């Protein structure tokens, strides 16, 4: 029997029972769409994190103080003298509220020198407009893209270069207000380290005055090469002990990859349950189809159809269900992944979060390089995650693009077809084993 005739017989039966066929296809579609959406989302998030860490550099090591005294210039100079250290960039982090004529928004304040900003951004700053501030006490600023074009205004520009804004610091019972001019606006950045799009960058001295600090929350250390990162990380850990959290971008990448990999496997297993349900549904519907077409099977066999021909008719029927459900599921899953990614990337930021008063810090105290770790633990800024520990935070969304690869599409379609054919195998075998006389008696 020709393949064309087998396909025609399979398609005809599906076409005659449109509602039942559509419901079966939807079951397959849900399973495939779930797999496509979940895999593309987790892959996109993983790629976004990896890209962010790569932009910061594979030789970067982040030191976050766990003491109220933070880091001092003595720490910066001491680390600079260690072997395999290329550069040390100090940062001051805190929280505040940006006030404009349109809204109030909780922001992260980052004090960093003009020379240190490229180290943090992974190269020369990509500016939308304006220029970088000079490293002076003048409180000029470079702001993130989302602050200039907030989603709350529909993406309309809220701040421009040369336009001042009011920055408030301190608790709800009182605080200080500062008028800060905008020197430059950054292009949109995707970063797993700090929320660049909702941050205000300013010179170190200006940040010290505004936040009331005289020490650094964070030190960004660059190793001379990737092979020396682990050794330098261990050295810094031994020097500071419990007084600082020391982690390299390589370690962050490994942790993120491991977590996302585990989540992906779990989500795929959950999505696989949908395909299992679809397989049971296909088997049930195919058995019903065999019973309904018993007399037709008897006629086909009496006309000379072989057992394999009858089996192929029902197997191709299951194959068509799997193929159609797979194609529709791929399209649905791809669309759903982009909708979900858009939703994550455009979560509204909190506009009235209150900031705790920044901790006062003293530059005095023994150097870790001469007398070892000392002092009690205190509140330090949490650099990884993008905000000061005292901040209630700006709940901006994660910016990423779903990653839908050709291999994922092919694998999902192949799984849908194989699951459908496997589910249709027993009904097809049962149909092929019918005796013509017994089948014709059903007329």
Protein backbone atom coordinates (compact mmCIF):
# COMPACT_ATOMS: atom_id res chain seq x y z
CA UNK A 1 0.00 0.00 0.00
CA UNK A 2 1.30 3.45 -0.89
CA UNK A 3 2.32 5.90 1.80
CA UNK A 4 0.04 8.53 0.29
CA UNK A 5 -3.00 6.28 0.75
CA UNK A 6 -2.06 5.52 4.36
CA UNK A 7 -1.74 9.22 5.14
CA UNK A 8 -5.06 9.96 3.44
CA UNK A 9 -6.90 7.31 5.46
CA UNK A 10 -5.32 8.58 8.69
CA UNK A 11 -6.15 12.20 7.95
CA UNK A 12 -9.73 11.43 6.85
CA UNK A 13 -10.66 9.87 10.18
CA UNK A 14 -9.15 12.79 12.09
CA UNK A 15 -11.03 15.26 9.90
CA UNK A 16 -14.35 13.51 10.49
CA UNK A 17 -14.01 13.87 14.26
CA UNK A 18 -12.82 17.47 14.48
CA UNK A 19 -13.76 18.20 18.11
CA UNK A 20 -12.14 15.05 19.48
CA UNK A 21 -9.05 15.61 17.34
CA UNK A 22 -8.77 19.23 18.45
CA UNK A 23 -8.97 18.27 22.13
CA UNK A 24 -6.28 15.64 21.67
CA UNK A 25 -4.04 18.10 19.83
CA UNK A 26 -4.53 20.63 22.66
CA UNK A 27 -3.32 18.07 25.21
CA UNK A 28 -0.12 17.57 23.25
CA UNK A 29 0.19 21.32 22.65
CA UNK A 30 0.07 22.12 26.38
CA UNK A 31 2.93 19.75 27.15
CA UNK A 32 5.13 20.99 24.30
CA UNK A 33 4.33 24.66 25.00
CA UNK A 34 5.27 24.19 28.66
CA UNK A 35 8.63 22.67 27.75
CA UNK A 36 9.42 25.34 25.13
CA UNK A 37 8.45 28.23 27.42
CA UNK A 38 10.28 26.92 30.48
CA UNK A 39 13.47 25.92 28.66
CA UNK A 40 13.68 29.17 26.67
CA UNK A 41 13.06 31.28 29.80
CA UNK A 42 15.64 29.52 31.98
CA UNK A 43 18.17 29.50 29.13
CA UNK A 44 17.57 33.20 28.55
CA UNK A 45 18.03 34.02 32.23
CA UNK A 46 21.21 31.93 32.35
CA UNK A 47 22.64 33.65 29.28
CA UNK A 48 21.76 37.07 30.69
CA UNK A 49 23.55 36.31 33.96
CA UNK A 50 26.56 34.91 32.16
CA UNK A 51 26.73 37.96 29.87
CA UNK A 52 26.50 40.30 32.86
CA UNK A 53 29.30 38.50 34.67
CA UNK A 54 31.44 38.40 31.52
CA UNK A 55 31.00 42.15 31.08
CA UNK A 56 32.31 42.65 34.62
CA UNK A 57 35.19 40.37 33.76
CA UNK A 58 36.22 36.81 34.66
CA UNK A 59 39.07 38.19 36.78
CA UNK A 60 36.81 40.22 39.09
CA UNK A 61 36.58 39.57 42.83
CA UNK A 62 34.00 41.33 45.00
CA UNK A 63 34.65 42.15 48.65
CA UNK A 64 31.60 43.22 50.65
CA UNK A 65 32.17 44.48 54.17
CA UNK A 66 30.22 42.85 57.00
CA UNK A 67 31.38 45.49 59.53
CA UNK A 68 29.99 48.94 60.17
CA UNK A 69 33.51 50.34 59.77
CA UNK A 70 33.68 49.12 56.18
CA UNK A 71 36.87 49.39 54.15
CA UNK A 72 39.35 52.26 54.29
CA UNK A 73 42.04 53.65 52.00
CA UNK A 74 44.48 51.50 53.98
CA UNK A 75 42.61 48.41 52.77
CA UNK A 76 42.67 49.66 49.19
CA UNK A 77 46.41 50.33 49.32
CA UNK A 78 47.11 47.03 51.10
CA UNK A 79 45.18 44.93 48.57
CA UNK A 80 46.89 46.78 45.72
CA UNK A 81 50.26 45.51 46.96
CA UNK A 82 49.20 41.85 46.96
CA UNK A 83 50.55 39.58 44.22
CA UNK A 84 48.40 39.10 41.09
CA UNK A 85 46.26 42.22 41.77
CA UNK A 86 45.66 44.39 38.72
CA UNK A 87 43.41 47.07 40.24
CA UNK A 88 41.24 47.86 43.26
CA UNK A 89 38.08 49.96 42.87
CA UNK A 90 36.36 51.19 46.05
CA UNK A 91 32.60 51.82 46.11
CA UNK A 92 30.19 53.44 48.53
CA UNK A 93 26.63 52.16 48.37
CA UNK A 94 23.48 53.38 50.01
CA UNK A 95 19.83 54.05 49.37
CA UNK A 96 17.74 57.12 48.81
CA UNK A 97 14.62 58.44 47.19
CA UNK A 98 14.69 60.24 43.87
CA UNK A 99 12.03 62.95 43.66
CA UNK A 100 10.86 64.61 40.46
CA UNK A 101 7.76 66.49 39.48
CA UNK A 102 6.15 63.20 38.43
CA UNK A 103 7.05 60.65 41.10
CA UNK A 104 9.22 59.45 43.97
CA UNK A 105 11.33 56.37 43.43
CA UNK A 106 13.60 54.35 45.68
CA UNK A 107 17.08 54.16 44.19
CA UNK A 108 20.53 52.75 44.86
CA UNK A 109 23.23 55.38 45.32
CA UNK A 110 26.69 54.29 44.18
CA UNK A 111 29.76 56.37 44.87
CA UNK A 112 32.57 55.50 42.48
CA UNK A 113 35.43 57.39 40.90
CA UNK A 114 35.48 58.43 37.27
CA UNK A 115 38.27 55.92 36.65
CA UNK A 116 36.45 53.13 38.51
CA UNK A 117 33.17 53.37 36.60
CA UNK A 118 34.53 51.53 33.51
CA UNK A 119 35.77 48.76 35.83
CA UNK A 120 32.25 48.30 37.18
CA UNK A 121 30.50 48.54 33.79
CA UNK A 122 32.94 46.26 31.98
CA UNK A 123 34.40 48.92 29.72
CA UNK A 124 33.84 52.54 28.80
CA UNK A 125 30.31 53.56 29.86
CA UNK A 126 27.75 53.29 27.09
CA UNK A 127 25.97 56.63 27.36
CA UNK A 128 22.58 57.52 25.99
CA UNK A 129 23.42 61.19 26.37
CA UNK A 130 25.73 63.51 28.31
CA UNK A 131 29.12 62.63 29.74
CA UNK A 132 30.81 61.12 32.81
CA UNK A 133 31.26 63.32 35.88
CA UNK A 134 34.67 64.40 37.12
CA UNK A 135 36.03 62.85 40.32
CA UNK A 136 35.41 65.89 42.52
CA UNK A 137 33.29 66.68 45.55
CA UNK A 138 30.68 68.20 43.24
CA UNK A 139 27.53 66.03 43.39
CA UNK A 140 27.09 65.52 39.65
CA UNK A 141 25.60 62.18 38.66
CA UNK A 142 25.25 59.58 35.97
CA UNK A 143 21.87 57.87 36.18
CA UNK A 144 20.55 54.55 34.95
CA UNK A 145 18.31 54.34 31.91
CA UNK A 146 15.19 53.33 33.85
CA UNK A 147 15.42 56.46 36.00
CA UNK A 148 15.45 58.71 32.95
CA UNK A 149 12.79 56.66 31.14
CA UNK A 150 10.67 55.04 33.88
CA UNK A 151 8.04 52.47 32.98
CA UNK A 152 5.56 54.32 35.19
CA UNK A 153 5.49 57.12 32.60
CA UNK A 154 5.15 54.73 29.68
CA UNK A 155 8.82 55.07 28.79
CA UNK A 156 8.64 58.85 28.34
CA UNK A 157 11.75 60.74 29.37
CA UNK A 158 11.52 61.97 32.95
CA UNK A 159 15.05 63.34 33.42
CA UNK A 160 17.45 64.95 30.95
CA UNK A 161 21.11 65.94 30.99
CA UNK A 162 21.56 69.19 32.91
CA UNK A 163 18.25 68.80 34.70
CA UNK A 164 18.54 68.58 38.50
CA UNK A 165 16.56 66.16 40.61
CA UNK A 166 16.00 65.97 44.36
CA UNK A 167 17.68 63.11 46.20
CA UNK A 168 16.46 62.40 49.73
CA UNK A 169 18.36 60.28 52.25
CA UNK A 170 17.55 59.30 55.81
CA UNK A 171 14.63 57.64 57.56
CA UNK A 172 10.92 58.51 57.47
CA UNK A 173 11.25 60.81 60.52
CA UNK A 174 13.75 63.07 58.94
CA UNK A 175 16.60 63.25 56.51
CA UNK A 176 18.42 65.43 54.05
CA UNK A 177 17.53 66.58 50.56
CA UNK A 178 20.06 67.32 47.85
CA UNK A 179 19.70 68.84 44.41
CA UNK A 180 21.77 66.69 42.04
CA UNK A 181 22.34 67.66 38.39
CA UNK A 182 22.39 64.95 35.73
CA UNK A 183 25.72 64.82 33.89
CA UNK A 184 24.94 61.71 31.85
CA UNK A 185 22.36 59.01 31.18
CA UNK A 186 23.47 55.42 30.63
CA UNK A 187 22.08 53.12 28.01
CA UNK A 188 20.11 50.15 29.31
CA UNK A 189 22.35 47.60 31.01
CA UNK A 190 21.64 44.03 32.05
CA UNK A 191 23.58 43.19 35.18
CA UNK A 192 23.44 40.40 37.73
CA UNK A 193 25.76 42.29 40.08
CA UNK A 194 24.12 45.66 40.61
CA UNK A 195 20.90 47.20 39.33
CA UNK A 196 22.57 49.65 36.95
CA UNK A 197 19.36 50.79 35.29
CA UNK A 198 17.94 52.07 38.59
CA UNK A 199 21.17 53.36 40.16
CA UNK A 200 22.60 56.84 40.61
CA UNK A 201 26.39 57.03 40.20
CA UNK A 202 28.35 59.95 41.63
CA UNK A 203 31.91 60.78 42.76
CA UNK A 204 33.15 59.10 45.93
CA UNK A 205 33.46 62.33 47.90
CA UNK A 206 29.95 63.40 46.97
CA UNK A 207 28.56 60.01 48.02
CA UNK A 208 30.44 60.23 51.33
CA UNK A 209 28.81 63.58 52.11
CA UNK A 210 25.31 62.57 51.01
CA UNK A 211 25.31 59.16 52.71
CA UNK A 212 27.24 60.30 55.77
CA UNK A 213 29.94 57.70 55.31
CA UNK A 214 33.71 57.90 55.48
CA UNK A 215 34.47 54.34 54.42
CA UNK A 216 33.70 52.00 51.55
CA UNK A 217 31.05 49.27 51.48
CA UNK A 218 32.55 47.31 48.61
CA UNK A 219 35.86 46.75 46.88
CA UNK A 220 36.03 45.51 43.30
CA UNK A 221 39.35 43.72 42.85
CA UNK A 222 40.71 42.70 39.45
CA UNK A 223 43.20 39.85 39.24
CA UNK A 224 45.97 39.94 36.64
CA UNK A 225 44.64 36.78 34.93
CA UNK A 226 41.96 34.12 35.28
CA UNK A 227 44.33 31.47 36.62
CA UNK A 228 45.18 33.59 39.67
CA UNK A 229 41.56 34.34 40.63
CA UNK A 230 41.05 31.36 42.95
CA UNK A 231 44.36 31.88 44.73
CA UNK A 232 43.71 35.60 45.22
CA UNK A 233 40.17 34.86 46.45
CA UNK A 234 41.57 32.49 49.08
CA UNK A 235 44.20 35.04 50.10
CA UNK A 236 41.61 37.77 50.63
CA UNK A 237 39.37 35.36 52.54
CA UNK A 238 42.24 34.50 54.88
CA UNK A 239 43.06 38.18 55.42
CA UNK A 240 39.54 39.35 56.22
CA UNK A 241 37.93 36.24 57.67
CA UNK A 242 34.40 37.02 58.86
CA UNK A 243 34.87 40.76 58.35
CA UNK A 244 34.10 40.56 54.62
CA UNK A 245 32.35 38.38 52.10
CA UNK A 246 34.72 37.48 49.28
CA UNK A 247 33.39 36.02 46.04
CA UNK A 248 34.61 35.99 42.46
CA UNK A 249 32.50 36.29 39.32
CA UNK A 250 33.64 32.78 38.42
CA UNK A 251 32.08 31.46 41.62
CA UNK A 252 28.88 33.43 41.00
CA UNK A 253 28.68 32.01 37.47
CA UNK A 254 29.13 28.44 38.74
CA UNK A 255 26.51 28.87 41.46
CA UNK A 256 24.02 30.49 39.07
CA UNK A 257 24.59 27.80 36.44
CA UNK A 258 24.09 25.02 38.99
CA UNK A 259 20.89 26.54 40.41
CA UNK A 260 19.37 27.30 37.02
CA UNK A 261 20.30 23.83 35.75
CA UNK A 262 18.52 22.18 38.68
CA UNK A 263 15.46 24.40 38.25
CA UNK A 264 15.37 23.62 34.51
CA UNK A 265 15.38 19.86 35.12
CA UNK A 266 12.61 20.19 37.71
CA UNK A 267 10.47 22.34 35.42
CA UNK A 268 10.95 19.98 32.48
CA UNK A 269 9.87 17.05 34.66
CA UNK A 270 6.75 18.98 35.64
CA UNK A 271 6.05 19.81 31.99
CA UNK A 272 6.63 16.14 31.14
CA UNK A 273 3.61 15.26 33.26
CA UNK A 274 1.48 17.17 30.75
CA UNK A 275 2.87 15.02 27.94
CA UNK A 276 2.20 11.88 29.97
CA UNK A 277 -1.42 12.94 30.39
CA UNK A 278 -1.55 13.68 26.66
CA UNK A 279 -0.17 10.20 25.90
CA UNK A 280 -2.88 8.56 28.00
CA UNK A 281 -5.49 10.69 26.25
CA UNK A 282 -4.14 9.72 22.82
CA UNK A 283 -4.18 6.04 23.72
CA UNK A 284 -7.75 6.27 24.96
CA UNK A 285 -8.95 8.12 21.88
CA UNK A 286 -7.11 5.76 19.53
CA UNK A 287 -8.70 2.74 21.21
CA UNK A 288 -12.10 4.36 20.75
CA UNK A 289 -11.24 4.99 17.11
CA UNK A 290 -10.30 1.32 16.65
CA UNK A 291 -13.63 0.21 18.10
CA UNK A 292 -15.56 2.67 15.94
CA UNK A 293 -13.73 1.59 12.79
CA UNK A 294 -13.94 -2.15 13.41
CA UNK A 295 -16.12 -2.76 10.39
CA UNK A 296 -13.88 -0.51 8.27
CA UNK A 297 -10.87 -2.56 9.36
CA UNK A 298 -12.68 -5.74 8.33
CA UNK A 299 -13.41 -4.27 4.87
CA UNK A 300 -9.78 -3.17 4.43
CA UNK A 301 -8.49 -6.62 5.31
CA UNK A 302 -10.98 -8.35 3.05
CA UNK A 303 -9.74 -6.10 0.20
CA UNK A 304 -6.18 -7.31 0.73
CA UNK A 305 -4.75 -4.89 3.31
CA UNK A 306 -1.93 -6.51 5.26
CA UNK A 307 -1.55 -6.32 9.04
CA UNK A 308 1.26 -3.79 8.73
CA UNK A 309 -0.88 -1.60 6.43
CA UNK A 310 -3.67 -1.40 9.02
CA UNK A 311 -1.12 -0.77 11.74
CA UNK A 312 0.48 2.06 9.73
CA UNK A 313 -2.90 3.76 9.26
CA UNK A 314 -3.40 4.12 13.01
CA UNK A 315 0.26 4.85 13.76
CA UNK A 316 0.26 7.69 11.24
CA UNK A 317 -2.93 8.96 12.80
CA UNK A 318 -1.11 9.23 16.15
CA UNK A 319 1.90 10.74 14.37
CA UNK A 320 -0.27 13.47 12.82
CA UNK A 321 -1.77 14.30 16.21
CA UNK A 322 1.72 14.57 17.73
CA UNK A 323 3.10 16.60 14.84
CA UNK A 324 0.24 19.10 14.74
CA UNK A 325 0.21 19.41 18.54
CA UNK A 326 4.00 19.85 18.54
CA UNK A 327 4.01 22.60 15.91
CA UNK A 328 1.17 24.50 17.61
CA UNK A 329 2.81 23.98 21.01
CA UNK A 330 6.14 25.36 19.80
CA UNK A 331 4.46 28.52 18.54
CA UNK A 332 2.38 28.88 21.71
CA UNK A 333 5.35 28.22 24.01
CA UNK A 334 7.56 30.71 22.16
CA UNK A 335 4.89 33.38 22.40
CA UNK A 336 4.28 32.65 26.08
CA UNK A 337 8.01 32.87 26.87
CA UNK A 338 8.28 36.35 25.34
CA UNK A 339 5.15 37.52 27.15
CA UNK A 340 6.50 36.24 30.48
CA UNK A 341 9.93 37.74 29.82
CA UNK A 342 8.31 41.10 29.06
CA UNK A 343 6.34 40.86 32.29
CA UNK A 344 9.47 40.12 34.34
CA UNK A 345 11.41 42.93 32.67
CA UNK A 346 8.68 45.52 33.21
CA UNK A 347 7.70 44.95 36.81
CA UNK A 348 6.90 48.31 38.39
CA UNK A 349 9.44 49.68 40.81
CA UNK A 350 8.48 50.76 44.28
CA UNK A 351 8.07 54.53 44.44
CA UNK A 352 7.80 55.26 48.13
CA UNK A 353 10.28 52.90 49.81
CA UNK A 354 11.84 54.39 52.88
CA UNK A 355 15.55 54.28 53.41
CA UNK A 356 17.24 53.59 56.67
CA UNK A 357 19.78 56.09 57.79
CA UNK A 358 23.21 55.16 56.57
CA UNK A 359 25.66 53.85 59.09
CA UNK A 360 28.36 56.17 60.23
CA UNK A 361 31.83 54.79 59.73
CA UNK A 362 35.25 55.74 60.94
CA UNK A 363 38.42 55.63 58.93
CA UNK A 364 40.37 54.75 62.03
CA UNK A 365 41.19 51.21 62.98
CA UNK A 366 43.99 48.72 62.47
CA UNK A 367 44.94 47.53 59.02
CA UNK A 368 44.08 43.91 58.23
CA UNK A 369 47.46 43.61 56.59
CA UNK A 370 49.37 44.33 59.77
CA UNK A 371 47.30 43.02 62.66
CA UNK A 372 44.81 40.55 61.23
CA UNK A 373 40.98 40.63 61.36
CA UNK A 374 39.45 42.54 64.16
CA UNK A 375 36.31 44.32 65.19
CA UNK A 376 32.71 43.34 65.42
CA UNK A 377 30.46 42.59 62.50
CA UNK A 378 28.17 45.29 61.33
CA UNK A 379 25.91 46.21 58.50
CA UNK A 380 27.53 46.48 55.15
CA UNK A 381 26.13 47.05 51.75
CA UNK A 382 25.13 43.98 49.86
CA UNK A 383 26.85 44.41 46.50
CA UNK A 384 25.70 41.18 44.93
CA UNK A 385 22.06 41.73 44.19
CA UNK A 386 22.38 45.39 43.56
CA UNK A 387 21.42 47.33 46.62
CA UNK A 388 22.48 48.46 50.02
CA UNK A 389 21.50 46.27 52.88
CA UNK A 390 19.57 49.10 54.46
CA UNK A 391 17.51 49.72 51.37
CA UNK A 392 14.05 48.41 50.92
CA UNK A 393 15.00 48.25 47.32
CA UNK A 394 13.76 49.06 43.93
CA UNK A 395 11.84 46.07 42.69
CA UNK A 396 12.82 46.41 39.08
CA UNK A 397 12.35 43.40 36.87
CA UNK A 398 15.04 41.13 35.50
CA UNK A 399 15.93 42.09 31.96
CA UNK A 400 16.50 39.11 29.66
CA UNK A 401 15.46 37.69 26.32
CA UNK A 402 14.17 34.11 25.97
CA UNK A 403 16.66 31.85 24.19
CA UNK A 404 14.85 29.55 21.77
CA UNK A 405 17.34 27.48 19.85
CA UNK A 406 16.78 25.27 16.82
CA UNK A 407 17.88 22.21 18.79
CA UNK A 408 15.24 22.91 21.46
CA UNK A 409 12.53 23.23 18.78
CA UNK A 410 13.58 20.00 17.05
CA UNK A 411 13.83 18.09 20.34
CA UNK A 412 10.41 19.29 21.52
CA UNK A 413 8.78 18.34 18.20
CA UNK A 414 10.52 14.97 18.22
CA UNK A 415 9.35 14.29 21.78
CA UNK A 416 5.76 15.17 20.85
CA UNK A 417 5.79 12.84 17.83
CA UNK A 418 7.47 9.97 19.68
CA UNK A 419 5.14 10.23 22.68
CA UNK A 420 2.11 10.25 20.37
CA UNK A 421 3.34 7.30 18.33
CA UNK A 422 4.19 5.35 21.47
CA UNK A 423 0.70 6.03 22.81
CA UNK A 424 -0.82 4.89 19.53
CA UNK A 425 1.28 1.75 19.27
CA UNK A 426 -1.01 -0.57 21.25
CA UNK A 427 -4.27 0.60 19.58
CA UNK A 428 -2.61 0.23 16.16
CA UNK A 429 -1.34 -3.26 17.01
CA UNK A 430 -4.79 -4.23 18.27
CA UNK A 431 -6.38 -3.02 15.05
CA UNK A 432 -3.88 -4.94 12.92
CA UNK A 433 -4.63 -8.21 14.76
CA UNK A 434 -8.36 -8.14 14.05
CA UNK A 435 -9.68 -11.05 12.02
CA UNK A 436 -11.63 -9.90 8.92
CA UNK A 437 -14.62 -12.16 9.64
CA UNK A 438 -14.94 -10.99 13.27
CA UNK A 439 -14.59 -7.38 12.14
CA UNK A 440 -17.23 -7.72 9.41
CA UNK A 441 -19.71 -9.15 11.90
CA UNK A 442 -19.87 -5.67 13.41
CA UNK A 443 -21.69 -4.42 10.28
